[in-house]
Amino acid sequence: MEEQLSHEDNKRIQDGIREKYLKVAVDPEGHFRYPTGRAGLEMLGYPVGPVKELPESVASSYCGVGNPFFLGEIKEGSAVLDVGCGAGVDAILAAKLVGPSGRVVGIDLVSEMLDRAQKNLQLTELQNVSFIEASSEKLDFPDETFDAVISNGVFNLLPNKRRCLAEAFRLLKPGGRLMIADQVLVGEVQKSLAARIDTWFQ
């Protein structure tokens, strides 16, 4: 499918995603069919201690589809990349897990979501997190920079998943882990390509 997408198709997808997440940046609730906020974090089994420490306005920003931290331990001192960090909740939780000797970088394409992430970060005392506006298809980091790459509900939205996965693996250190929570399609694709593009971000 990736090979069938034109430049115009990719632009329509990105514009649709941006339009939706502009609204999510202002008010995360009401845009998803699953629990968000603190209820979502608790239902998905996020680490209890770090979640309890989150200010309410930070927890309320959560709109992930799953819990990437279920997939392995994030060790103290680790370097973590959060692909599609959104409002920064997973990045902030990762920063609590890696401690002051570790670091976390969150990337996102939607500047308004990054603004929300930065405001959320300012409500904590964390000094080991940074947020960058960037595309997951090409990232300005050297090879083997991160111990873990996490992502939550993002890869299903990326038109060129192969390229983004290759970039994630390029950035992982030997023995590093790619930890993705996402939605997958079960069964055959029913819609035409044009219809899928129109509803890509839903």
N, C-alpha and C. Protein backbone atom coordinates (compact mmCIF):
# COMPACT_ATOMS: atom_id res chain seq x y z
N MET A 1 0.81 -1.20 0.00
CA MET A 1 0.00 0.00 0.00
C MET A 1 0.85 1.25 0.00
N GLU A 2 1.96 1.24 0.71
CA GLU A 2 2.79 2.42 0.80
C GLU A 2 3.21 2.90 -0.58
N GLU A 3 3.50 1.98 -1.49
CA GLU A 3 3.98 2.34 -2.81
C GLU A 3 2.89 3.02 -3.65
N GLN A 4 1.61 2.84 -3.28
CA GLN A 4 0.51 3.41 -4.05
C GLN A 4 0.22 4.86 -3.68
N LEU A 5 0.77 5.35 -2.60
CA LEU A 5 0.47 6.69 -2.13
C LEU A 5 1.29 7.73 -2.88
N SER A 6 0.60 8.71 -3.43
CA SER A 6 1.27 9.80 -4.12
C SER A 6 1.66 10.89 -3.12
N HIS A 7 2.40 11.87 -3.59
CA HIS A 7 2.75 13.01 -2.75
C HIS A 7 1.48 13.69 -2.23
N GLU A 8 0.48 13.82 -3.11
CA GLU A 8 -0.78 14.46 -2.72
C GLU A 8 -1.52 13.61 -1.67
N ASP A 9 -1.47 12.27 -1.84
CA ASP A 9 -2.08 11.39 -0.85
C ASP A 9 -1.45 11.59 0.52
N ASN A 10 -0.13 11.62 0.55
CA ASN A 10 0.58 11.80 1.81
C ASN A 10 0.23 13.14 2.46
N LYS A 11 0.10 14.17 1.64
CA LYS A 11 -0.24 15.49 2.17
C LYS A 11 -1.65 15.48 2.76
N ARG A 12 -2.59 14.83 2.07
CA ARG A 12 -3.96 14.75 2.60
C ARG A 12 -3.99 14.00 3.93
N ILE A 13 -3.21 12.94 4.02
CA ILE A 13 -3.14 12.18 5.28
C ILE A 13 -2.58 13.05 6.40
N GLN A 14 -1.47 13.73 6.12
CA GLN A 14 -0.86 14.57 7.14
C GLN A 14 -1.78 15.72 7.55
N ASP A 15 -2.46 16.32 6.58
CA ASP A 15 -3.39 17.41 6.89
C ASP A 15 -4.54 16.93 7.75
N GLY A 16 -5.06 15.72 7.45
CA GLY A 16 -6.15 15.16 8.25
C GLY A 16 -5.72 14.87 9.67
N ILE A 17 -4.52 14.30 9.82
CA ILE A 17 -3.99 14.00 11.15
C ILE A 17 -3.79 15.30 11.93
N ARG A 18 -3.19 16.28 11.27
CA ARG A 18 -2.94 17.57 11.93
C ARG A 18 -4.25 18.22 12.39
N GLU A 19 -5.26 18.17 11.53
CA GLU A 19 -6.55 18.77 11.86
C GLU A 19 -7.16 18.12 13.10
N LYS A 20 -7.10 16.78 13.16
CA LYS A 20 -7.65 16.08 14.32
C LYS A 20 -6.88 16.43 15.58
N TYR A 21 -5.54 16.39 15.51
CA TYR A 21 -4.76 16.55 16.72
C TYR A 21 -4.60 18.00 17.16
N LEU A 22 -4.96 18.95 16.29
CA LEU A 22 -5.11 20.32 16.75
C LEU A 22 -6.22 20.40 17.79
N LYS A 23 -7.31 19.67 17.53
CA LYS A 23 -8.43 19.62 18.47
C LYS A 23 -8.06 18.85 19.73
N VAL A 24 -7.32 17.76 19.57
CA VAL A 24 -6.91 16.95 20.72
C VAL A 24 -6.00 17.75 21.64
N ALA A 25 -5.14 18.59 21.06
CA ALA A 25 -4.22 19.40 21.86
C ALA A 25 -4.98 20.33 22.80
N VAL A 26 -6.13 20.82 22.36
CA VAL A 26 -6.95 21.71 23.18
C VAL A 26 -7.76 20.92 24.20
N ASP A 27 -8.36 19.81 23.76
CA ASP A 27 -9.24 19.01 24.62
C ASP A 27 -9.13 17.54 24.22
N PRO A 28 -8.35 16.75 24.97
CA PRO A 28 -8.12 15.35 24.58
C PRO A 28 -9.37 14.47 24.67
N GLU A 29 -10.33 14.83 25.50
CA GLU A 29 -11.49 13.98 25.69
C GLU A 29 -12.50 14.17 24.55
N GLY A 30 -13.23 13.12 24.26
CA GLY A 30 -14.30 13.21 23.28
C GLY A 30 -13.89 12.94 21.85
N HIS A 31 -12.61 12.65 21.62
CA HIS A 31 -12.14 12.39 20.26
C HIS A 31 -11.80 10.93 20.02
N PHE A 32 -11.97 10.10 21.04
CA PHE A 32 -11.55 8.70 20.94
C PHE A 32 -12.65 7.79 21.47
N ARG A 33 -12.62 6.52 21.02
CA ARG A 33 -13.64 5.55 21.41
C ARG A 33 -13.18 4.66 22.55
N TYR A 34 -12.13 5.03 23.20
CA TYR A 34 -11.60 4.25 24.31
C TYR A 34 -11.28 5.19 25.46
N PRO A 35 -11.09 4.65 26.68
CA PRO A 35 -10.83 5.51 27.83
C PRO A 35 -9.53 6.30 27.67
N THR A 36 -9.59 7.57 28.03
CA THR A 36 -8.42 8.44 27.99
C THR A 36 -8.17 8.96 29.41
N GLY A 37 -7.21 9.85 29.53
CA GLY A 37 -6.91 10.45 30.83
C GLY A 37 -6.43 9.44 31.85
N ARG A 38 -6.61 9.77 33.11
CA ARG A 38 -6.14 8.89 34.18
C ARG A 38 -6.84 7.52 34.14
N ALA A 39 -8.12 7.52 33.76
CA ALA A 39 -8.85 6.24 33.66
C ALA A 39 -8.20 5.32 32.64
N GLY A 40 -7.74 5.88 31.52
CA GLY A 40 -7.05 5.08 30.50
C GLY A 40 -5.73 4.53 31.01
N LEU A 41 -4.97 5.37 31.70
CA LEU A 41 -3.69 4.93 32.27
C LEU A 41 -3.88 3.79 33.26
N GLU A 42 -4.89 3.91 34.11
CA GLU A 42 -5.13 2.88 35.12
C GLU A 42 -5.65 1.59 34.48
N MET A 43 -6.57 1.72 33.51
CA MET A 43 -7.13 0.54 32.86
C MET A 43 -6.05 -0.26 32.12
N LEU A 44 -5.09 0.45 31.54
CA LEU A 44 -4.05 -0.20 30.74
C LEU A 44 -2.87 -0.70 31.57
N GLY A 45 -2.92 -0.50 32.86
CA GLY A 45 -1.90 -1.07 33.74
C GLY A 45 -0.57 -0.37 33.72
N TYR A 46 -0.59 0.93 33.55
CA TYR A 46 0.67 1.70 33.64
C TYR A 46 1.25 1.59 35.04
N PRO A 47 2.56 1.84 35.20
CA PRO A 47 3.18 1.75 36.52
C PRO A 47 2.46 2.65 37.53
N VAL A 48 1.98 2.06 38.61
CA VAL A 48 1.10 2.77 39.55
C VAL A 48 1.79 3.98 40.17
N GLY A 49 3.01 3.80 40.66
CA GLY A 49 3.72 4.89 41.33
C GLY A 49 3.88 6.13 40.46
N PRO A 50 4.51 5.99 39.28
CA PRO A 50 4.67 7.16 38.42
C PRO A 50 3.35 7.80 38.00
N VAL A 51 2.32 6.98 37.76
CA VAL A 51 1.02 7.54 37.35
C VAL A 51 0.41 8.36 38.49
N LYS A 52 0.53 7.89 39.73
CA LYS A 52 0.00 8.64 40.87
C LYS A 52 0.67 9.99 41.02
N GLU A 53 1.93 10.07 40.60
CA GLU A 53 2.68 11.32 40.75
C GLU A 53 2.32 12.36 39.68
N LEU A 54 1.61 11.94 38.64
CA LEU A 54 1.28 12.88 37.57
C LEU A 54 0.26 13.91 38.04
N PRO A 55 0.52 15.21 37.79
CA PRO A 55 -0.52 16.21 38.04
C PRO A 55 -1.76 15.88 37.22
N GLU A 56 -2.93 16.24 37.73
CA GLU A 56 -4.18 15.85 37.08
C GLU A 56 -4.26 16.37 35.64
N SER A 57 -3.79 17.59 35.39
CA SER A 57 -3.87 18.13 34.03
C SER A 57 -2.95 17.40 33.07
N VAL A 58 -1.87 16.79 33.59
CA VAL A 58 -0.99 15.97 32.74
C VAL A 58 -1.67 14.63 32.45
N ALA A 59 -2.16 13.99 33.47
CA ALA A 59 -2.84 12.69 33.29
C ALA A 59 -4.03 12.83 32.34
N SER A 60 -4.75 13.94 32.42
CA SER A 60 -5.93 14.12 31.58
C SER A 60 -5.57 14.26 30.11
N SER A 61 -4.29 14.50 29.80
CA SER A 61 -3.83 14.62 28.42
C SER A 61 -3.63 13.27 27.74
N TYR A 62 -3.66 12.20 28.51
CA TYR A 62 -3.34 10.88 27.96
C TYR A 62 -4.44 10.39 27.02
N CYS A 63 -4.03 9.96 25.82
CA CYS A 63 -5.00 9.39 24.86
C CYS A 63 -4.36 8.25 24.05
N GLY A 64 -3.50 7.47 24.72
CA GLY A 64 -2.87 6.34 24.05
C GLY A 64 -3.80 5.16 23.87
N VAL A 65 -3.42 4.26 22.97
CA VAL A 65 -4.25 3.08 22.69
C VAL A 65 -3.81 1.85 23.49
N GLY A 66 -2.65 1.93 24.12
CA GLY A 66 -2.12 0.79 24.86
C GLY A 66 -1.00 1.23 25.78
N ASN A 67 -0.30 0.27 26.35
CA ASN A 67 0.75 0.53 27.31
C ASN A 67 2.07 -0.04 26.78
N PRO A 68 2.91 0.79 26.16
CA PRO A 68 4.17 0.26 25.62
C PRO A 68 5.12 -0.25 26.70
N PHE A 69 4.94 0.20 27.94
CA PHE A 69 5.82 -0.21 29.02
C PHE A 69 5.59 -1.66 29.45
N PHE A 70 4.49 -2.27 28.98
CA PHE A 70 4.26 -3.69 29.22
C PHE A 70 5.30 -4.56 28.51
N LEU A 71 5.94 -4.02 27.49
CA LEU A 71 6.79 -4.82 26.61
C LEU A 71 8.22 -4.99 27.10
N GLY A 72 8.54 -4.43 28.22
CA GLY A 72 9.89 -4.60 28.75
C GLY A 72 10.23 -3.52 29.74
N GLU A 73 11.29 -3.75 30.48
CA GLU A 73 11.71 -2.82 31.51
C GLU A 73 12.45 -1.63 30.88
N ILE A 74 12.12 -0.44 31.35
CA ILE A 74 12.89 0.75 31.02
C ILE A 74 13.85 0.97 32.19
N LYS A 75 15.13 0.75 31.96
CA LYS A 75 16.09 0.77 33.05
C LYS A 75 16.56 2.18 33.38
N GLU A 76 16.93 2.35 34.63
CA GLU A 76 17.49 3.62 35.06
C GLU A 76 18.75 3.93 34.25
N GLY A 77 18.88 5.17 33.83
CA GLY A 77 20.03 5.60 33.05
C GLY A 77 19.87 5.42 31.55
N SER A 78 18.74 4.88 31.12
CA SER A 78 18.52 4.62 29.69
C SER A 78 18.24 5.92 28.92
N ALA A 79 18.48 5.84 27.60
CA ALA A 79 18.07 6.89 26.67
C ALA A 79 16.87 6.37 25.90
N VAL A 80 15.77 7.12 25.90
CA VAL A 80 14.51 6.67 25.31
C VAL A 80 14.02 7.70 24.30
N LEU A 81 13.56 7.21 23.16
CA LEU A 81 12.92 8.05 22.15
C LEU A 81 11.44 7.70 22.09
N ASP A 82 10.57 8.71 22.18
CA ASP A 82 9.12 8.51 22.07
C ASP A 82 8.67 9.05 20.72
N VAL A 83 8.31 8.15 19.81
CA VAL A 83 7.90 8.53 18.45
C VAL A 83 6.41 8.88 18.46
N GLY A 84 6.09 10.11 18.08
CA GLY A 84 4.71 10.56 18.12
C GLY A 84 4.27 10.80 19.55
N CYS A 85 5.02 11.62 20.27
CA CYS A 85 4.84 11.76 21.72
C CYS A 85 3.56 12.48 22.11
N GLY A 86 2.93 13.16 21.18
CA GLY A 86 1.68 13.85 21.50
C GLY A 86 1.85 14.82 22.66
N ALA A 87 0.98 14.71 23.66
CA ALA A 87 1.02 15.62 24.81
C ALA A 87 2.10 15.25 25.82
N GLY A 88 2.91 14.23 25.51
CA GLY A 88 4.10 13.94 26.30
C GLY A 88 3.92 13.06 27.51
N VAL A 89 2.76 12.45 27.70
CA VAL A 89 2.53 11.68 28.92
C VAL A 89 3.46 10.47 29.00
N ASP A 90 3.56 9.69 27.91
CA ASP A 90 4.46 8.53 27.93
C ASP A 90 5.92 8.97 28.12
N ALA A 91 6.30 10.06 27.48
CA ALA A 91 7.68 10.56 27.63
C ALA A 91 7.96 10.96 29.07
N ILE A 92 6.99 11.61 29.70
CA ILE A 92 7.16 12.02 31.10
C ILE A 92 7.25 10.79 32.01
N LEU A 93 6.41 9.79 31.76
CA LEU A 93 6.49 8.57 32.55
C LEU A 93 7.82 7.85 32.32
N ALA A 94 8.29 7.81 31.07
CA ALA A 94 9.59 7.20 30.78
C ALA A 94 10.70 7.93 31.52
N ALA A 95 10.61 9.26 31.58
CA ALA A 95 11.63 10.05 32.26
C ALA A 95 11.69 9.73 33.75
N LYS A 96 10.53 9.44 34.34
CA LYS A 96 10.52 9.04 35.74
C LYS A 96 11.20 7.68 35.92
N LEU A 97 11.04 6.79 34.94
CA LEU A 97 11.63 5.45 35.02
C LEU A 97 13.14 5.48 34.81
N VAL A 98 13.63 6.32 33.90
CA VAL A 98 15.08 6.34 33.62
C VAL A 98 15.84 7.14 34.67
N GLY A 99 15.16 8.00 35.41
CA GLY A 99 15.80 8.77 36.46
C GLY A 99 16.69 9.87 35.93
N PRO A 100 17.32 10.63 36.82
CA PRO A 100 18.13 11.79 36.43
C PRO A 100 19.32 11.43 35.55
N SER A 101 19.79 10.19 35.63
CA SER A 101 20.95 9.80 34.82
C SER A 101 20.55 9.38 33.40
N GLY A 102 19.26 9.26 33.14
CA GLY A 102 18.78 8.91 31.81
C GLY A 102 18.24 10.13 31.09
N ARG A 103 17.77 9.92 29.86
CA ARG A 103 17.16 11.03 29.13
C ARG A 103 16.09 10.50 28.20
N VAL A 104 15.12 11.36 27.91
CA VAL A 104 14.00 11.01 27.03
C VAL A 104 13.81 12.14 26.02
N VAL A 105 13.63 11.75 24.77
CA VAL A 105 13.31 12.72 23.71
C VAL A 105 11.97 12.32 23.11
N GLY A 106 11.06 13.27 23.03
CA GLY A 106 9.77 13.04 22.38
C GLY A 106 9.71 13.80 21.08
N ILE A 107 9.28 13.14 20.01
CA ILE A 107 9.12 13.82 18.72
C ILE A 107 7.67 13.75 18.28
N ASP A 108 7.23 14.79 17.56
CA ASP A 108 5.89 14.82 17.01
C ASP A 108 5.88 15.80 15.85
N LEU A 109 4.93 15.61 14.93
CA LEU A 109 4.78 16.51 13.78
C LEU A 109 3.86 17.69 14.06
N VAL A 110 3.02 17.56 15.08
CA VAL A 110 2.00 18.58 15.33
C VAL A 110 2.52 19.53 16.42
N SER A 111 2.83 20.75 16.02
CA SER A 111 3.46 21.70 16.95
C SER A 111 2.56 22.00 18.14
N GLU A 112 1.25 22.01 17.92
CA GLU A 112 0.34 22.29 19.02
C GLU A 112 0.36 21.18 20.08
N MET A 113 0.55 19.93 19.64
CA MET A 113 0.69 18.84 20.60
C MET A 113 2.00 19.00 21.38
N LEU A 114 3.04 19.43 20.70
CA LEU A 114 4.32 19.65 21.39
C LEU A 114 4.21 20.79 22.39
N ASP A 115 3.43 21.81 22.06
CA ASP A 115 3.19 22.90 23.03
C ASP A 115 2.52 22.35 24.27
N ARG A 116 1.54 21.46 24.06
CA ARG A 116 0.85 20.84 25.20
C ARG A 116 1.83 19.99 26.01
N ALA A 117 2.70 19.25 25.31
CA ALA A 117 3.70 18.43 25.99
C ALA A 117 4.64 19.29 26.83
N GLN A 118 5.06 20.42 26.28
CA GLN A 118 5.97 21.31 27.00
C GLN A 118 5.30 21.89 28.24
N LYS A 119 4.02 22.25 28.11
CA LYS A 119 3.28 22.76 29.27
C LYS A 119 3.12 21.67 30.33
N ASN A 120 2.87 20.43 29.88
CA ASN A 120 2.77 19.32 30.83
C ASN A 120 4.09 19.10 31.55
N LEU A 121 5.18 19.17 30.80
CA LEU A 121 6.50 18.98 31.40
C LEU A 121 6.78 20.04 32.46
N GLN A 122 6.35 21.26 32.20
CA GLN A 122 6.60 22.35 33.15
C GLN A 122 5.86 22.15 34.47
N LEU A 123 4.86 21.28 34.47
CA LEU A 123 4.13 20.98 35.71
C LEU A 123 4.84 19.92 36.55
N THR A 124 5.94 19.39 36.03
CA THR A 124 6.75 18.42 36.77
C THR A 124 8.09 19.07 37.12
N GLU A 125 8.91 18.32 37.82
CA GLU A 125 10.25 18.82 38.14
C GLU A 125 11.31 18.12 37.29
N LEU A 126 10.88 17.44 36.25
CA LEU A 126 11.82 16.67 35.43
C LEU A 126 12.72 17.58 34.61
N GLN A 127 14.00 17.21 34.55
CA GLN A 127 14.99 17.96 33.76
C GLN A 127 15.60 17.11 32.65
N ASN A 128 15.10 15.90 32.47
CA ASN A 128 15.73 14.95 31.55
C ASN A 128 14.86 14.64 30.33
N VAL A 129 13.96 15.56 29.97
CA VAL A 129 13.06 15.36 28.83
C VAL A 129 13.17 16.54 27.89
N SER A 130 13.17 16.26 26.59
CA SER A 130 13.09 17.33 25.59
C SER A 130 12.09 16.91 24.52
N PHE A 131 11.44 17.89 23.91
CA PHE A 131 10.46 17.65 22.86
C PHE A 131 10.89 18.37 21.60
N ILE A 132 10.79 17.66 20.45
CA ILE A 132 11.29 18.17 19.17
C ILE A 132 10.23 17.95 18.10
N GLU A 133 10.01 18.95 17.27
CA GLU A 133 9.14 18.78 16.11
C GLU A 133 9.94 18.10 15.00
N ALA A 134 9.54 16.91 14.62
CA ALA A 134 10.32 16.14 13.64
C ALA A 134 9.45 15.04 13.04
N SER A 135 9.87 14.58 11.86
CA SER A 135 9.22 13.45 11.19
C SER A 135 9.92 12.16 11.56
N SER A 136 9.15 11.13 11.83
CA SER A 136 9.74 9.84 12.19
C SER A 136 10.40 9.15 11.00
N GLU A 137 10.22 9.69 9.79
CA GLU A 137 10.85 9.09 8.61
C GLU A 137 12.33 9.43 8.52
N LYS A 138 12.73 10.56 9.10
CA LYS A 138 14.15 10.95 9.05
C LYS A 138 14.46 11.79 10.28
N LEU A 139 15.26 11.22 11.18
CA LEU A 139 15.56 11.87 12.44
C LEU A 139 17.03 12.22 12.54
N ASP A 140 17.30 13.36 13.11
CA ASP A 140 18.66 13.90 13.15
C ASP A 140 19.39 13.43 14.42
N PHE A 141 19.52 12.10 14.54
CA PHE A 141 20.28 11.51 15.63
C PHE A 141 21.27 10.52 15.02
N PRO A 142 22.44 10.36 15.64
CA PRO A 142 23.40 9.35 15.16
C PRO A 142 22.85 7.94 15.33
N ASP A 143 23.41 7.00 14.58
CA ASP A 143 23.06 5.59 14.76
C ASP A 143 23.27 5.18 16.21
N GLU A 144 22.45 4.23 16.66
CA GLU A 144 22.62 3.59 17.97
C GLU A 144 22.66 4.61 19.12
N THR A 145 21.67 5.52 19.11
CA THR A 145 21.58 6.56 20.14
C THR A 145 20.75 6.14 21.34
N PHE A 146 19.73 5.30 21.12
CA PHE A 146 18.73 5.05 22.17
C PHE A 146 18.71 3.59 22.61
N ASP A 147 18.43 3.41 23.90
CA ASP A 147 18.26 2.07 24.46
C ASP A 147 16.86 1.53 24.17
N ALA A 148 15.90 2.43 24.02
CA ALA A 148 14.52 2.02 23.74
C ALA A 148 13.85 3.08 22.88
N VAL A 149 13.05 2.63 21.93
CA VAL A 149 12.17 3.50 21.16
C VAL A 149 10.76 3.07 21.48
N ILE A 150 9.96 4.00 22.02
CA ILE A 150 8.58 3.68 22.37
C ILE A 150 7.64 4.45 21.44
N SER A 151 6.43 3.94 21.29
CA SER A 151 5.43 4.62 20.47
C SER A 151 4.06 4.10 20.87
N ASN A 152 3.06 4.99 20.83
CA ASN A 152 1.73 4.64 21.32
C ASN A 152 0.66 5.18 20.37
N GLY A 153 0.09 4.28 19.58
CA GLY A 153 -1.00 4.67 18.69
C GLY A 153 -0.57 5.57 17.55
N VAL A 154 0.66 5.40 17.08
CA VAL A 154 1.20 6.31 16.06
C VAL A 154 1.51 5.58 14.75
N PHE A 155 2.12 4.41 14.83
CA PHE A 155 2.55 3.74 13.59
C PHE A 155 1.39 3.40 12.67
N ASN A 156 0.19 3.19 13.22
CA ASN A 156 -0.96 2.94 12.36
C ASN A 156 -1.29 4.16 11.50
N LEU A 157 -0.88 5.34 11.93
CA LEU A 157 -1.16 6.57 11.18
C LEU A 157 -0.09 6.90 10.14
N LEU A 158 1.07 6.30 10.26
CA LEU A 158 2.20 6.66 9.39
C LEU A 158 2.02 6.03 8.01
N PRO A 159 2.05 6.83 6.95
CA PRO A 159 1.90 6.27 5.60
C PRO A 159 3.05 5.33 5.23
N ASN A 160 4.29 5.74 5.54
CA ASN A 160 5.44 4.92 5.17
C ASN A 160 5.99 4.21 6.40
N LYS A 161 5.29 3.18 6.82
CA LYS A 161 5.67 2.47 8.03
C LYS A 161 7.03 1.81 7.91
N ARG A 162 7.33 1.30 6.73
CA ARG A 162 8.62 0.62 6.52
C ARG A 162 9.79 1.57 6.78
N ARG A 163 9.69 2.77 6.25
CA ARG A 163 10.77 3.75 6.42
C ARG A 163 10.90 4.15 7.89
N CYS A 164 9.76 4.37 8.55
CA CYS A 164 9.78 4.79 9.95
C CYS A 164 10.34 3.69 10.85
N LEU A 165 9.99 2.45 10.57
CA LEU A 165 10.54 1.34 11.35
C LEU A 165 12.04 1.20 11.13
N ALA A 166 12.48 1.37 9.88
CA ALA A 166 13.91 1.30 9.59
C ALA A 166 14.67 2.39 10.36
N GLU A 167 14.08 3.57 10.42
CA GLU A 167 14.72 4.67 11.15
C GLU A 167 14.77 4.38 12.64
N ALA A 168 13.69 3.81 13.18
CA ALA A 168 13.69 3.45 14.60
C ALA A 168 14.78 2.42 14.91
N PHE A 169 14.90 1.40 14.07
CA PHE A 169 15.93 0.39 14.30
C PHE A 169 17.34 0.96 14.11
N ARG A 170 17.50 1.91 13.23
CA ARG A 170 18.81 2.57 13.05
C ARG A 170 19.25 3.25 14.35
N LEU A 171 18.28 3.81 15.06
CA LEU A 171 18.60 4.60 16.25
C LEU A 171 18.79 3.75 17.50
N LEU A 172 18.39 2.48 17.44
CA LEU A 172 18.53 1.62 18.62
C LEU A 172 19.95 1.12 18.80
N LYS A 173 20.40 1.13 20.04
CA LYS A 173 21.68 0.52 20.38
C LYS A 173 21.57 -0.99 20.25
N PRO A 174 22.68 -1.70 20.11
CA PRO A 174 22.63 -3.16 20.12
C PRO A 174 21.94 -3.65 21.39
N GLY A 175 20.97 -4.53 21.23
CA GLY A 175 20.21 -5.02 22.38
C GLY A 175 19.08 -4.10 22.79
N GLY A 176 18.93 -2.96 22.09
CA GLY A 176 17.84 -2.04 22.42
C GLY A 176 16.50 -2.61 21.99
N ARG A 177 15.41 -1.97 22.45
CA ARG A 177 14.08 -2.52 22.20
C ARG A 177 13.17 -1.49 21.55
N LEU A 178 12.40 -1.95 20.58
CA LEU A 178 11.31 -1.17 20.00
C LEU A 178 10.03 -1.61 20.70
N MET A 179 9.36 -0.67 21.36
CA MET A 179 8.22 -1.00 22.22
C MET A 179 7.00 -0.20 21.72
N ILE A 180 6.15 -0.87 20.94
CA ILE A 180 5.02 -0.21 20.29
C ILE A 180 3.70 -0.73 20.84
N ALA A 181 2.82 0.19 21.20
CA ALA A 181 1.42 -0.14 21.47
C ALA A 181 0.62 0.51 20.34
N ASP A 182 -0.22 -0.27 19.66
CA ASP A 182 -0.91 0.30 18.50
C ASP A 182 -2.17 -0.47 18.17
N GLN A 183 -2.89 0.04 17.18
CA GLN A 183 -4.08 -0.60 16.66
C GLN A 183 -3.71 -1.34 15.37
N VAL A 184 -4.32 -2.49 15.15
CA VAL A 184 -4.09 -3.24 13.92
C VAL A 184 -5.42 -3.63 13.30
N LEU A 185 -5.41 -3.78 12.00
CA LEU A 185 -6.60 -4.21 11.28
C LEU A 185 -6.65 -5.74 11.26
N VAL A 186 -7.78 -6.30 11.64
CA VAL A 186 -7.99 -7.73 11.57
C VAL A 186 -8.97 -8.01 10.43
N GLY A 187 -8.56 -8.85 9.48
CA GLY A 187 -9.41 -9.13 8.34
C GLY A 187 -8.97 -8.34 7.12
N GLU A 188 -9.75 -8.43 6.08
CA GLU A 188 -9.40 -7.79 4.83
C GLU A 188 -9.78 -6.32 4.84
N VAL A 189 -8.99 -5.53 4.10
CA VAL A 189 -9.31 -4.12 3.91
C VAL A 189 -10.49 -4.02 2.95
N GLN A 190 -11.54 -3.34 3.39
CA GLN A 190 -12.76 -3.27 2.60
C GLN A 190 -12.88 -2.02 1.75
N LYS A 191 -12.33 -0.92 2.23
CA LYS A 191 -12.51 0.36 1.53
C LYS A 191 -11.53 0.51 0.38
N SER A 192 -11.90 1.36 -0.56
CA SER A 192 -10.98 1.73 -1.63
C SER A 192 -9.84 2.56 -1.04
N LEU A 193 -8.74 2.69 -1.78
CA LEU A 193 -7.61 3.48 -1.31
C LEU A 193 -8.05 4.91 -1.03
N ALA A 194 -8.83 5.51 -1.93
CA ALA A 194 -9.28 6.88 -1.74
C ALA A 194 -10.09 7.03 -0.46
N ALA A 195 -10.97 6.07 -0.18
CA ALA A 195 -11.78 6.12 1.04
C ALA A 195 -10.92 5.96 2.28
N ARG A 196 -9.90 5.09 2.21
CA ARG A 196 -9.01 4.89 3.35
C ARG A 196 -8.22 6.16 3.63
N ILE A 197 -7.79 6.85 2.59
CA ILE A 197 -7.06 8.09 2.78
C ILE A 197 -7.94 9.13 3.47
N ASP A 198 -9.20 9.21 3.05
CA ASP A 198 -10.13 10.17 3.64
C ASP A 198 -10.36 9.93 5.12
N THR A 199 -10.28 8.67 5.55
CA THR A 199 -10.57 8.33 6.95
C THR A 199 -9.32 7.82 7.68
N TRP A 200 -8.16 8.09 7.14
CA TRP A 200 -6.89 7.54 7.65
C TRP A 200 -6.70 7.83 9.14
N PHE A 201 -7.04 9.05 9.54
CA PHE A 201 -6.75 9.51 10.90
C PHE A 201 -7.84 9.16 11.89
N GLN A 202 -8.91 8.49 11.48
CA GLN A 202 -10.02 8.21 12.40
C GLN A 202 -9.78 6.92 13.19
